[in-house]
């Protein structure tokens, strides 16, 4: 399983909808296709992409194709995203510290228009 395949598979809203439905438990391919506004053939293609990415498994039970969520692939993707988030959060926290330590510059520069000219 490649992270590139996982994120490419999750980039499509139809495939994300399929994953969302599978969170409630295993479903047949027909049950997954039912609410979608696409053909069963198109659903089959989406399932193939999800299976190639390792996000689902398909098995045969009698004459039905049972589709199950593979949580391991999602866990790996979540781990990668969390590590990236933690790294960026640490960078932002460091930047916050640097900005908080900065001493404000002296803005009381002499404006020639406000200089006392009575001394002339």
Protein backbone atom coordinates (compact mmCIF):
# COMPACT_ATOMS: atom_id res chain seq x y z
CA UNK A 1 0.00 0.00 0.00
CA UNK A 2 1.35 3.39 -0.99
CA UNK A 3 0.42 6.61 0.75
CA UNK A 4 0.15 8.19 -2.70
CA UNK A 5 -2.54 5.65 -3.61
CA UNK A 6 -4.37 6.22 -0.33
CA UNK A 7 -4.51 9.99 -0.71
CA UNK A 8 -5.34 9.75 -4.42
CA UNK A 9 -8.22 7.42 -3.59
CA UNK A 10 -9.48 9.71 -0.83
CA UNK A 11 -9.32 12.75 -3.13
CA UNK A 12 -12.54 11.70 -4.84
CA UNK A 13 -15.82 12.60 -3.08
CA UNK A 14 -17.60 9.44 -4.27
CA UNK A 15 -14.88 7.25 -2.80
CA UNK A 16 -14.98 9.21 0.46
CA UNK A 17 -18.76 8.64 0.56
CA UNK A 18 -18.18 4.90 0.12
CA UNK A 19 -15.62 4.92 2.97
CA UNK A 20 -18.09 6.84 5.16
CA UNK A 21 -20.80 4.24 4.52
CA UNK A 22 -18.40 1.41 5.35
CA UNK A 23 -17.67 2.92 8.77
CA UNK A 24 -21.05 1.55 9.80
CA UNK A 25 -20.02 -2.00 8.88
CA UNK A 26 -19.54 -4.27 5.90
CA UNK A 27 -21.85 -3.78 2.94
CA UNK A 28 -22.49 -5.49 -0.36
CA UNK A 29 -21.42 -3.71 -3.53
CA UNK A 30 -25.12 -3.25 -4.33
CA UNK A 31 -25.80 -1.60 -0.98
CA UNK A 32 -22.92 0.78 -1.57
CA UNK A 33 -24.14 1.61 -5.08
CA UNK A 34 -27.77 2.17 -4.07
CA UNK A 35 -27.63 5.79 -2.83
CA UNK A 36 -25.02 6.96 -5.32
CA UNK A 37 -26.09 8.83 -8.48
CA UNK A 38 -23.74 6.76 -10.68
CA UNK A 39 -23.92 3.41 -12.43
CA UNK A 40 -23.00 0.15 -10.74
CA UNK A 41 -20.14 -0.12 -13.20
CA UNK A 42 -18.78 3.23 -12.01
CA UNK A 43 -19.15 2.11 -8.38
CA UNK A 44 -17.20 -1.02 -9.25
CA UNK A 45 -14.38 1.12 -10.65
CA UNK A 46 -14.33 3.23 -7.49
CA UNK A 47 -14.20 0.06 -5.38
CA UNK A 48 -11.24 -1.15 -7.44
CA UNK A 49 -9.35 2.09 -6.74
CA UNK A 50 -10.13 1.82 -3.02
CA UNK A 51 -9.03 -1.82 -2.98
CA UNK A 52 -5.78 -1.03 -4.82
CA UNK A 53 -5.08 1.67 -2.23
CA UNK A 54 -5.64 -0.89 0.52
CA UNK A 55 -8.59 1.02 1.98
CA UNK A 56 -11.11 -1.79 1.48
CA UNK A 57 -11.20 -5.54 1.03
CA UNK A 58 -13.69 -7.42 -1.10
CA UNK A 59 -14.78 -10.99 -0.58
CA UNK A 60 -17.38 -13.28 -2.06
CA UNK A 61 -20.18 -14.66 0.04
CA UNK A 62 -22.48 -16.87 -2.02
CA UNK A 63 -23.39 -14.60 -4.93
CA UNK A 64 -22.68 -11.34 -3.16
CA UNK A 65 -19.51 -9.27 -3.06
CA UNK A 66 -18.94 -8.11 0.51
CA UNK A 67 -16.94 -4.92 0.94
CA UNK A 68 -15.17 -4.17 4.23
CA UNK A 69 -13.21 -1.17 5.43
CA UNK A 70 -9.50 -1.74 6.06
CA UNK A 71 -8.86 0.50 9.05
CA UNK A 72 -5.10 -0.14 8.94
CA UNK A 73 -4.73 1.98 5.80
CA UNK A 74 -6.67 4.83 7.38
CA UNK A 75 -4.63 4.52 10.57
CA UNK A 76 -1.40 4.81 8.60
CA UNK A 77 -2.68 7.88 6.72
CA UNK A 78 -3.88 9.43 9.98
CA UNK A 79 -0.45 8.82 11.53
CA UNK A 80 1.26 10.58 8.64
CA UNK A 81 -1.13 13.53 8.83
CA UNK A 82 -0.71 13.78 12.60
CA UNK A 83 3.10 13.80 12.29
CA UNK A 84 2.91 16.58 9.67
CA UNK A 85 0.47 18.52 11.86
CA UNK A 86 2.71 18.15 14.92
CA UNK A 87 5.76 19.36 12.98
CA UNK A 88 3.98 22.45 11.69
CA UNK A 89 2.47 23.16 15.10
CA UNK A 90 5.95 23.07 16.61
CA UNK A 91 7.20 25.49 13.94
CA UNK A 92 4.33 27.88 14.62
CA UNK A 93 4.92 27.65 18.37
CA UNK A 94 8.60 28.51 17.81
CA UNK A 95 7.63 31.46 15.64
CA UNK A 96 5.21 32.66 18.33
CA UNK A 97 8.05 32.59 20.88
CA UNK A 98 10.36 34.54 18.59
CA UNK A 99 7.70 37.14 17.88
CA UNK A 100 6.84 37.48 21.57
CA UNK A 101 10.50 38.10 22.44
CA UNK A 102 10.93 40.86 19.89
CA UNK A 103 11.36 44.26 21.48
CA UNK A 104 9.17 46.87 19.86
CA UNK A 105 11.23 49.35 17.88
CA UNK A 106 11.42 52.96 19.10
CA UNK A 107 8.82 54.89 17.12
CA UNK A 108 9.60 58.23 18.72
CA UNK A 109 11.76 59.49 15.88
CA UNK A 110 12.00 63.21 15.52
CA UNK A 111 9.52 64.59 13.06
CA UNK A 112 10.99 67.79 11.58
CA UNK A 113 7.53 69.36 11.34
CA UNK A 114 7.09 69.20 15.13
CA UNK A 115 10.48 70.65 16.06
CA UNK A 116 10.37 73.79 18.16
CA UNK A 117 11.28 76.62 15.77
CA UNK A 118 11.10 79.38 18.35
CA UNK A 119 14.76 78.89 19.21
CA UNK A 120 15.78 80.39 15.83
